[in-house]
C-alpha atoms as a PDB file:
ATOM      1  CA  MET A   1      41.308 -33.883 -31.860  1.00  0.00           C
ATOM      2  CA  LYS A   2      37.984 -32.669 -33.404  1.00  0.00           C
ATOM      3  CA  LYS A   3      39.106 -29.150 -32.467  1.00  0.00           C
ATOM      4  CA  ILE A   4      42.739 -29.573 -34.330  1.00  0.00           C
ATOM      5  CA  LEU A   5      40.439 -31.139 -37.151  1.00  0.00           C
ATOM      6  CA  ILE A   6      38.785 -27.631 -37.545  1.00  0.00           C
ATOM      7  CA  SER A   7      41.731 -25.571 -37.573  1.00  0.00           C
ATOM      8  CA  PHE A   8      43.334 -26.958 -40.058  1.00  0.00           C
ATOM      9  CA  SER A   9      40.533 -27.450 -42.499  1.00  0.00           C
ATOM     10  CA  ILE A  10      39.990 -23.031 -41.634  1.00  0.00           C
ATOM     11  CA  ILE A  11      43.663 -22.307 -42.088  1.00  0.00           C
ATOM     12  CA  LEU A  12      43.078 -24.499 -45.413  1.00  0.00           C
ATOM     13  CA  VAL A  13      40.376 -22.637 -46.980  1.00  0.00           C
ATOM     14  CA  ALA A  14      41.877 -19.765 -45.642  1.00  0.00           C
ATOM     15  CA  LEU A  15      45.259 -20.335 -47.755  1.00  0.00           C
ATOM     16  CA  MET A  16      43.373 -21.251 -50.504  1.00  0.00           C
ATOM     17  CA  GLY A  17      41.322 -18.435 -50.361  1.00  0.00           C
ATOM     18  CA  TYR A  18      44.658 -16.566 -50.160  1.00  0.00           C
ATOM     19  CA  SER A  19      46.050 -18.320 -52.817  1.00  0.00           C
ATOM     20  CA  GLN A  20      42.843 -17.338 -55.499  1.00  0.00           C
ATOM     21  CA  GLU A  21      43.272 -13.711 -54.289  1.00  0.00           C
ATOM     22  CA  VAL A  22      47.019 -13.012 -55.127  1.00  0.00           C
ATOM     23  CA  THR A  23      46.310 -11.320 -58.499  1.00  0.00           C
ATOM     24  CA  LYS A  24      46.744  -7.353 -58.991  1.00  0.00           C
ATOM     25  CA  THR A  25      45.530  -5.461 -61.839  1.00  0.00           C
ATOM     26  CA  VAL A  26      48.606  -4.174 -64.232  1.00  0.00           C
ATOM     27  CA  LYS A  27      48.238  -0.921 -67.264  1.00  0.00           C
ATOM     28  CA  LEU A  28      49.818  -2.172 -69.908  1.00  0.00           C
ATOM     29  CA  ASP A  29      49.522   1.066 -71.181  1.00  0.00           C
ATOM     30  CA  SER A  30      47.431   3.904 -70.206  1.00  0.00           C
ATOM     31  CA  LEU A  31      44.897   1.775 -72.168  1.00  0.00           C
ATOM     32  CA  ILE A  32      44.528  -1.542 -71.377  1.00  0.00           C
ATOM     33  CA  SER A  33      44.752  -3.185 -68.085  1.00  0.00           C
ATOM     34  CA  VAL A  34      44.467  -6.434 -66.806  1.00  0.00           C
ATOM     35  CA  LYS A  35      44.854  -8.783 -63.645  1.00  0.00           C
ATOM     36  CA  LEU A  36      47.851 -10.984 -63.515  1.00  0.00           C
ATOM     37  CA  PRO A  37      49.335 -13.295 -60.412  1.00  0.00           C
ATOM     38  CA  ALA A  38      51.590 -10.807 -58.620  1.00  0.00           C
ATOM     39  CA  ASP A  39      54.660 -12.892 -58.905  1.00  0.00           C
ATOM     40  CA  PHE A  40      54.496 -11.939 -62.956  1.00  0.00           C
ATOM     41  CA  HIS A  41      57.166 -11.017 -64.584  1.00  0.00           C
ATOM     42  CA  LYS A  42      57.691  -8.142 -67.121  1.00  0.00           C
ATOM     43  CA  LEU A  43      60.398  -7.838 -70.412  1.00  0.00           C
ATOM     44  CA  ASP A  44      60.607  -5.146 -72.514  1.00  0.00           C
ATOM     45  CA  THR A  45      62.560  -5.462 -76.091  1.00  0.00           C
ATOM     46  CA  LEU A  46      63.042  -3.429 -78.241  1.00  0.00           C
ATOM     47  CA  GLY A  47      60.089  -1.734 -77.251  1.00  0.00           C
ATOM     48  CA  GLN A  48      58.083  -4.804 -76.851  1.00  0.00           C
ATOM     49  CA  GLN A  49      56.961  -5.371 -73.204  1.00  0.00           C
ATOM     50  CA  THR A  50      56.006  -9.380 -72.361  1.00  0.00           C
ATOM     51  CA  TYR A  51      54.669 -10.224 -69.104  1.00  0.00           C
ATOM     52  CA  THR A  52      54.651 -13.837 -68.076  1.00  0.00           C
ATOM     53  CA  ALA A  53      52.830 -15.647 -65.259  1.00  0.00           C
ATOM     54  CA  ASN A  54      52.572 -18.896 -63.094  1.00  0.00           C
ATOM     55  CA  SER A  55      48.444 -19.353 -62.653  1.00  0.00           C
ATOM     56  CA  ARG A  56      47.369 -21.938 -60.186  1.00  0.00           C
ATOM     57  CA  TYR A  57      46.670 -24.115 -63.490  1.00  0.00           C
ATOM     58  CA  GLY A  58      48.107 -22.933 -66.420  1.00  0.00           C
ATOM     59  CA  TYR A  59      50.539 -19.769 -67.826  1.00  0.00           C
ATOM     60  CA  ILE A  60      49.775 -17.136 -68.917  1.00  0.00           C
ATOM     61  CA  ILE A  61      51.719 -14.754 -71.248  1.00  0.00           C
ATOM     62  CA  ILE A  62      51.182 -11.142 -73.311  1.00  0.00           C
ATOM     63  CA  SER A  63      52.316  -9.157 -75.199  1.00  0.00           C
ATOM     64  CA  ARG A  64      52.453  -5.058 -76.323  1.00  0.00           C
ATOM     65  CA  SER A  65      53.685  -4.938 -79.050  1.00  0.00           C
ATOM     66  CA  PRO A  66      53.852  -1.451 -80.670  1.00  0.00           C
ATOM     67  CA  ASN A  67      52.738  -1.995 -85.255  1.00  0.00           C
ATOM     68  CA  PRO A  68      55.615  -0.540 -87.092  1.00  0.00           C
ATOM     69  CA  PRO A  69      55.400   3.226 -88.367  1.00  0.00           C
ATOM     70  CA  THR A  70      55.207   2.501 -91.974  1.00  0.00           C
ATOM     71  CA  ASN A  71      52.114   0.213 -91.789  1.00  0.00           C
ATOM     72  CA  LYS A  72      49.048   2.179 -93.469  1.00  0.00           C
ATOM     73  CA  PRO A  73      45.890   2.568 -91.693  1.00  0.00           C
ATOM     74  CA  LEU A  74      43.596  -0.149 -92.613  1.00  0.00           C
ATOM     75  CA  LYS A  75      40.736   1.528 -94.347  1.00  0.00           C
ATOM     76  CA  LYS A  76      38.240  -1.009 -93.696  1.00  0.00           C
ATOM     77  CA  GLU A  77      37.430  -4.163 -91.799  1.00  0.00           C
ATOM     78  CA  LYS A  78      38.250  -6.176 -94.606  1.00  0.00           C
ATOM     79  CA  ASP A  79      41.597  -5.167 -94.080  1.00  0.00           C
ATOM     80  CA  LEU A  80      41.465  -6.171 -89.942  1.00  0.00           C
ATOM     81  CA  ASN A  81      40.331  -9.789 -90.512  1.00  0.00           C
ATOM     82  CA  ASN A  82      43.080 -10.045 -93.058  1.00  0.00           C
ATOM     83  CA  VAL A  83      45.724  -9.082 -89.881  1.00  0.00           C
ATOM     84  CA  PHE A  84      43.861 -11.492 -88.259  1.00  0.00           C
ATOM     85  CA  LYS A  85      44.750 -13.772 -91.096  1.00  0.00           C
ATOM     86  CA  GLU A  86      48.352 -13.359 -91.631  1.00  0.00           C
ATOM     87  CA  TYR A  87      48.796 -13.407 -87.642  1.00  0.00           C
ATOM     88  CA  ILE A  88      47.041 -17.031 -87.066  1.00  0.00           C
ATOM     89  CA  ARG A  89      49.197 -18.121 -90.248  1.00  0.00           C
ATOM     90  CA  LYS A  90      52.281 -17.087 -88.843  1.00  0.00           C
ATOM     91  CA  VAL A  91      51.180 -18.636 -85.342  1.00  0.00           C
ATOM     92  CA  GLN A  92      50.597 -22.035 -87.619  1.00  0.00           C
ATOM     93  CA  ALA A  93      54.014 -21.561 -88.937  1.00  0.00           C
ATOM     94  CA  SER A  94      55.825 -21.152 -86.208  1.00  0.00           C
ATOM     95  CA  LEU A  95      54.868 -24.134 -84.533  1.00  0.00           C
ATOM     96  CA  SER A  96      53.355 -27.005 -87.886  1.00  0.00           C
ATOM     97  CA  GLU A  97      52.318 -29.461 -85.683  1.00  0.00           C
ATOM     98  CA  GLY A  98      49.789 -27.927 -84.309  1.00  0.00           C
ATOM     99  CA  THR A  99      46.347 -27.238 -84.521  1.00  0.00           C
ATOM    100  CA  ILE A 100      44.018 -24.146 -84.947  1.00  0.00           C
ATOM    101  CA  THR A 101      40.730 -24.284 -83.813  1.00  0.00           C
ATOM    102  CA  ASP A 102      37.547 -22.607 -82.779  1.00  0.00           C
ATOM    103  CA  ASP A 103      38.474 -19.250 -84.603  1.00  0.00           C
ATOM    104  CA  HIS A 104      36.239 -16.570 -84.336  1.00  0.00           C
ATOM    105  CA  ASP A 105      35.921 -12.713 -83.877  1.00  0.00           C
ATOM    106  CA  THR A 106      33.688 -11.241 -81.457  1.00  0.00           C
ATOM    107  CA  ILE A 107      33.561  -7.895 -80.025  1.00  0.00           C
ATOM    108  CA  ILE A 108      34.153  -6.345 -76.705  1.00  0.00           C
ATOM    109  CA  ASN A 109      33.760  -2.996 -75.461  1.00  0.00           C
ATOM    110  CA  LYS A 110      33.592  -1.698 -79.302  1.00  0.00           C
ATOM    111  CA  LEU A 111      36.534  -3.414 -80.691  1.00  0.00           C
ATOM    112  CA  GLU A 112      36.850  -6.708 -82.875  1.00  0.00           C
ATOM    113  CA  ILE A 113      39.342  -9.172 -81.412  1.00  0.00           C
ATOM    114  CA  ARG A 114      40.254 -11.947 -83.489  1.00  0.00           C
ATOM    115  CA  GLN A 115      40.100 -15.492 -80.905  1.00  0.00           C
ATOM    116  CA  PHE A 116      41.475 -19.238 -81.518  1.00  0.00           C
ATOM    117  CA  VAL A 117      42.993 -22.522 -80.254  1.00  0.00           C
ATOM    118  CA  LEU A 118      46.369 -23.650 -80.907  1.00  0.00           C
ATOM    119  CA  ARG A 119      46.139 -27.643 -79.557  1.00  0.00           C
ATOM    120  CA  THR A 120      49.447 -29.277 -79.948  1.00  0.00           C
ATOM    121  CA  ASP A 121      50.474 -32.867 -78.445  1.00  0.00           C
ATOM    122  CA  THR A 122      54.213 -32.647 -76.406  1.00  0.00           C
ATOM    123  CA  GLY A 123      54.426 -36.143 -76.237  1.00  0.00           C
ATOM    124  CA  SER A 124      53.657 -36.727 -72.751  1.00  0.00           C
ATOM    125  CA  GLY A 125      49.930 -35.137 -73.240  1.00  0.00           C
ATOM    126  CA  VAL A 126      48.107 -32.498 -75.046  1.00  0.00           C
ATOM    127  CA  GLN A 127      48.383 -28.636 -74.858  1.00  0.00           C
ATOM    128  CA  LEU A 128      45.866 -25.964 -75.411  1.00  0.00           C
ATOM    129  CA  ARG A 129      46.395 -22.458 -75.558  1.00  0.00           C
ATOM    130  CA  LYS A 130      43.816 -19.712 -76.390  1.00  0.00           C
ATOM    131  CA  PHE A 131      44.670 -16.239 -77.536  1.00  0.00           C
ATOM    132  CA  GLN A 132      42.472 -13.339 -77.752  1.00  0.00           C
ATOM    133  CA  ILE A 133      44.312 -10.274 -80.295  1.00  0.00           C
ATOM    134  CA  TRP A 134      43.169  -6.896 -79.946  1.00  0.00           C
ATOM    135  CA  TYR A 135      44.584  -5.149 -82.571  1.00  0.00           C
ATOM    136  CA  THR A 136      45.156  -1.195 -82.511  1.00  0.00           C
ATOM    137  CA  ARG A 137      45.849   0.910 -84.499  1.00  0.00           C
ATOM    138  CA  PRO A 138      49.366   1.618 -82.789  1.00  0.00           C
ATOM    139  CA  VAL A 139      49.898  -1.238 -81.085  1.00  0.00           C
ATOM    140  CA  THR A 140      49.164  -4.982 -81.086  1.00  0.00           C
ATOM    141  CA  TYR A 141      48.265  -6.559 -77.572  1.00  0.00           C
ATOM    142  CA  THR A 142      48.417 -10.814 -77.583  1.00  0.00           C
ATOM    143  CA  PHE A 143      47.155 -12.322 -74.661  1.00  0.00           C
ATOM    144  CA  GLN A 144      47.544 -16.391 -74.094  1.00  0.00           C
ATOM    145  CA  TYR A 145      46.478 -18.528 -71.327  1.00  0.00           C
ATOM    146  CA  LEU A 146      48.107 -22.315 -71.670  1.00  0.00           C
ATOM    147  CA  TYR A 147      46.870 -24.941 -69.859  1.00  0.00           C
ATOM    148  CA  ASP A 148      46.965 -29.069 -69.719  1.00  0.00           C
ATOM    149  CA  GLU A 149      44.027 -30.387 -71.755  1.00  0.00           C
ATOM    150  CA  ALA A 150      43.449 -32.715 -68.607  1.00  0.00           C
ATOM    151  CA  ARG A 151      42.843 -30.126 -66.452  1.00  0.00           C
ATOM    152  CA  GLN A 152      40.643 -28.335 -68.381  1.00  0.00           C
ATOM    153  CA  ASP A 153      37.603 -28.700 -66.157  1.00  0.00           C
ATOM    154  CA  VAL A 154      39.558 -26.740 -63.616  1.00  0.00           C
ATOM    155  CA  ALA A 155      41.632 -24.486 -66.293  1.00  0.00           C
ATOM    156  CA  SER A 156      38.704 -23.195 -67.746  1.00  0.00           C
ATOM    157  CA  LYS A 157      36.876 -20.651 -64.922  1.00  0.00           C
ATOM    158  CA  GLU A 158      40.768 -19.698 -64.488  1.00  0.00           C
ATOM    159  CA  MET A 159      41.400 -18.568 -67.916  1.00  0.00           C
ATOM    160  CA  ASN A 160      37.548 -16.993 -68.179  1.00  0.00           C
ATOM    161  CA  ALA A 161      38.820 -15.131 -65.479  1.00  0.00           C
ATOM    162  CA  PHE A 162      42.184 -14.277 -66.996  1.00  0.00           C
ATOM    163  CA  PHE A 163      40.413 -12.976 -70.072  1.00  0.00           C
ATOM    164  CA  LYS A 164      37.257 -10.898 -68.693  1.00  0.00           C
ATOM    165  CA  SER A 165      39.922  -8.991 -66.445  1.00  0.00           C
ATOM    166  CA  ILE A 166      41.250  -7.588 -69.707  1.00  0.00           C
ATOM    167  CA  LYS A 167      39.482  -3.772 -69.390  1.00  0.00           C
ATOM    168  CA  SER A 168      39.974  -0.875 -72.092  1.00  0.00           C
ATOM    169  CA  PRO A 169      38.465   2.512 -72.011  1.00  0.00           C
ATOM    170  CA  PRO A 170      34.787   3.326 -73.307  1.00  0.00           C
ATOM    171  CA  GLU A 171      36.352   5.780 -75.927  1.00  0.00           C
ATOM    172  CA  LEU A 172      38.663   2.737 -77.163  1.00  0.00           C
ATOM    173  CA  ASP A 173      36.384   1.621 -80.280  1.00  0.00           C
ATOM    174  CA  GLY A 174      36.870   0.385 -84.154  1.00  0.00           C
ATOM    175  CA  THR A 175      37.449   3.476 -85.106  1.00  0.00           C
ATOM    176  CA  ASP A 176      41.205   2.937 -83.674  1.00  0.00           C
ATOM    177  CA  GLN A 177      41.297  -0.226 -85.807  1.00  0.00           C
ATOM    178  CA  TYR A 178      40.035   1.175 -88.990  1.00  0.00           C
ATOM    179  CA  LEU A 179      38.984   3.859 -90.718  1.00  0.00           C
ATOM    180  CA  THR A 180      35.382   3.316 -91.793  1.00  0.00           C
ATOM    181  CA  PHE A 181      34.724   1.717 -88.654  1.00  0.00           C
ATOM    182  CA  GLY A 182      31.247   3.503 -87.343  1.00  0.00           C
ATOM    183  CA  LYS A 183      30.210   5.365 -91.158  1.00  0.00           C
ATOM    184  CA  TRP A 184      26.608   4.458 -90.658  1.00  0.00           C
ATOM    185  CA  GLN A 185      26.630   4.635 -86.516  1.00  0.00           C
ATOM    186  CA  GLY A 186      24.700   7.522 -85.076  1.00  0.00           C
ATOM    187  CA  LEU A 187      21.414   6.893 -87.353  1.00  0.00           C
ATOM    188  CA  SER A 188      18.427   5.694 -85.937  1.00  0.00           C
ATOM    189  CA  GLY A 189      17.204   1.637 -87.266  1.00  0.00           C
ATOM    190  CA  ALA A 190      14.438   3.628 -88.770  1.00  0.00           C
ATOM    191  CA  THR A 191      16.452   5.988 -90.514  1.00  0.00           C
ATOM    192  CA  ILE A 192      18.510   3.273 -91.887  1.00  0.00           C
ATOM    193  CA  VAL A 193      15.702   1.807 -92.733  1.00  0.00           C
ATOM    194  CA  LEU A 194      14.355   4.526 -94.955  1.00  0.00           C
ATOM    195  CA  ILE A 195      17.549   5.115 -96.778  1.00  0.00           C
ATOM    196  CA  VAL A 196      18.139   1.554 -98.209  1.00  0.00           C
ATOM    197  CA  ALA A 197      14.138   1.482 -99.071  1.00  0.00           C
ATOM    198  CA  GLY A 198      14.927   4.898-100.678  1.00  0.00           C
ATOM    199  CA  ILE A 199      17.693   3.683-102.683  1.00  0.00           C
ATOM    200  CA  ILE A 200      15.869  -0.029-103.839  1.00  0.00           C
ATOM    201  CA  ILE A 201      13.272   2.887-104.761  1.00  0.00           C
ATOM    202  CA  ILE A 202      15.101   4.716-107.061  1.00  0.00           C
ATOM    203  CA  VAL A 203      16.720   1.377-108.060  1.00  0.00           C
ATOM    204  CA  PHE A 204      13.274   0.174-109.113  1.00  0.00           C
ATOM    205  CA  ILE A 205      12.246   3.402-110.434  1.00  0.00           C
ATOM    206  CA  ILE A 206      15.691   3.416-113.067  1.00  0.00           C
ATOM    207  CA  LEU A 207      14.634   0.092-113.999  1.00  0.00           C
ATOM    208  CA  VAL A 208      10.885   0.460-114.916  1.00  0.00           C
ATOM    209  CA  VAL A 209      12.005   4.044-116.885  1.00  0.00           C
ATOM    210  CA  ARG A 210      14.350   1.732-118.853  1.00  0.00           C
ATOM    211  CA  ARG A 211      12.245  -0.706-119.730  1.00  0.00           C
ATOM    212  CA  ARG A 212       9.332   1.173-120.762  1.00  0.00           C
ATOM    213  CA  ARG A 213      12.128   2.970-123.246  1.00  0.00           C
ATOM    214  CA  ARG A 214      13.295  -0.177-124.816  1.00  0.00           C
ATOM    215  CA  HIS A 215       9.586  -1.204-124.884  1.00  0.00           C
ATOM    216  CA  GLN A 216       8.861   2.017-126.688  1.00  0.00           C
ATOM    217  CA  ASP A 217      12.169   1.814-129.160  1.00  0.00           C
ATOM    218  CA  GLU A 218      10.520  -1.802-129.851  1.00  0.00           C
ATOM    219  CA  LEU A 219       7.298  -0.150-130.756  1.00  0.00           C
ATOM    220  CA  ASP A 220       8.617   2.540-132.740  1.00  0.00           C
ATOM    221  CA  GLU A 221      10.555   0.171-134.656  1.00  0.00           C
ATOM    222  CA  PHE A 222       7.439  -1.863-135.858  1.00  0.00           C
ATOM    223  CA  THR A 223       5.574   1.108-136.176  1.00  0.00           C
ATOM    224  CA  THR A 224       8.189   2.360-138.686  1.00  0.00           C
ATOM    225  CA  LYS A 225       8.695  -1.218-140.367  1.00  0.00           C
ATOM    226  CA  ALA A 226       4.907  -1.211-140.657  1.00  0.00           C
ATOM    227  CA  SER A 227       5.129   2.059-142.230  1.00  0.00           C
ATOM    228  CA  ARG A 228       8.036   1.447-145.074  1.00  0.00           C
ATOM    229  CA  ARG A 229       5.793  -1.872-145.706  1.00  0.00           C
ATOM    230  CA  LYS A 230       3.002  -0.329-146.921  1.00  0.00           C
ATOM    231  CA  LYS A 231       4.306   2.274-148.944  1.00  0.00           C
ATOM    232  CA  LYS A 232       6.075  -0.962-150.828  1.00  0.00           C
ATOM    233  CA  ALA A 233       2.731  -2.042-151.254  1.00  0.00           C
END
């Protein structure tokens, strides 16, 4: 009996390990890849690819959506933040009873990524859906992991592993997001400090010169008035 139990335990552990390892690296394109359960499904609709898969503790959705060619390139970081805000606004509008939480930016491999959680009460329990938005000029990638709040303890490890499995090449950076990215990159910290210090000194000199001119003008005006008083006297 003891041997049977031991054998059963070994088989059970092996099966659990197998179920955890049945994932494969999926290339969304030549730049982005991610690990998904081996039995994932892919749907291609008018150029937009959607990947879905059941995981052990949640549900995964990935979309790869080409940006409209009519869109103008983003010029600065503020424009990128506006894109993220508009995305979140649409998510909120599509599910008005949902609540957006933990909305913040993060940097992954020199890309600015927006993360947030959509919290909804389905009536049978609270469901959490974590979003990670990767925006590049040609394509927007959306990664989602859905799970029940009641299973948060066991789902969080799997969710973190899923998001950490997203890979991009080093050459993909902020220049693929907005035009002014990296204008200060390539300069050492000391050089940036010297430039800023130089600007401050120039501004200070301008203020001092203006103040002296104003003082001189006031002095000249006072001298002229005093001279006129003497002549009248």
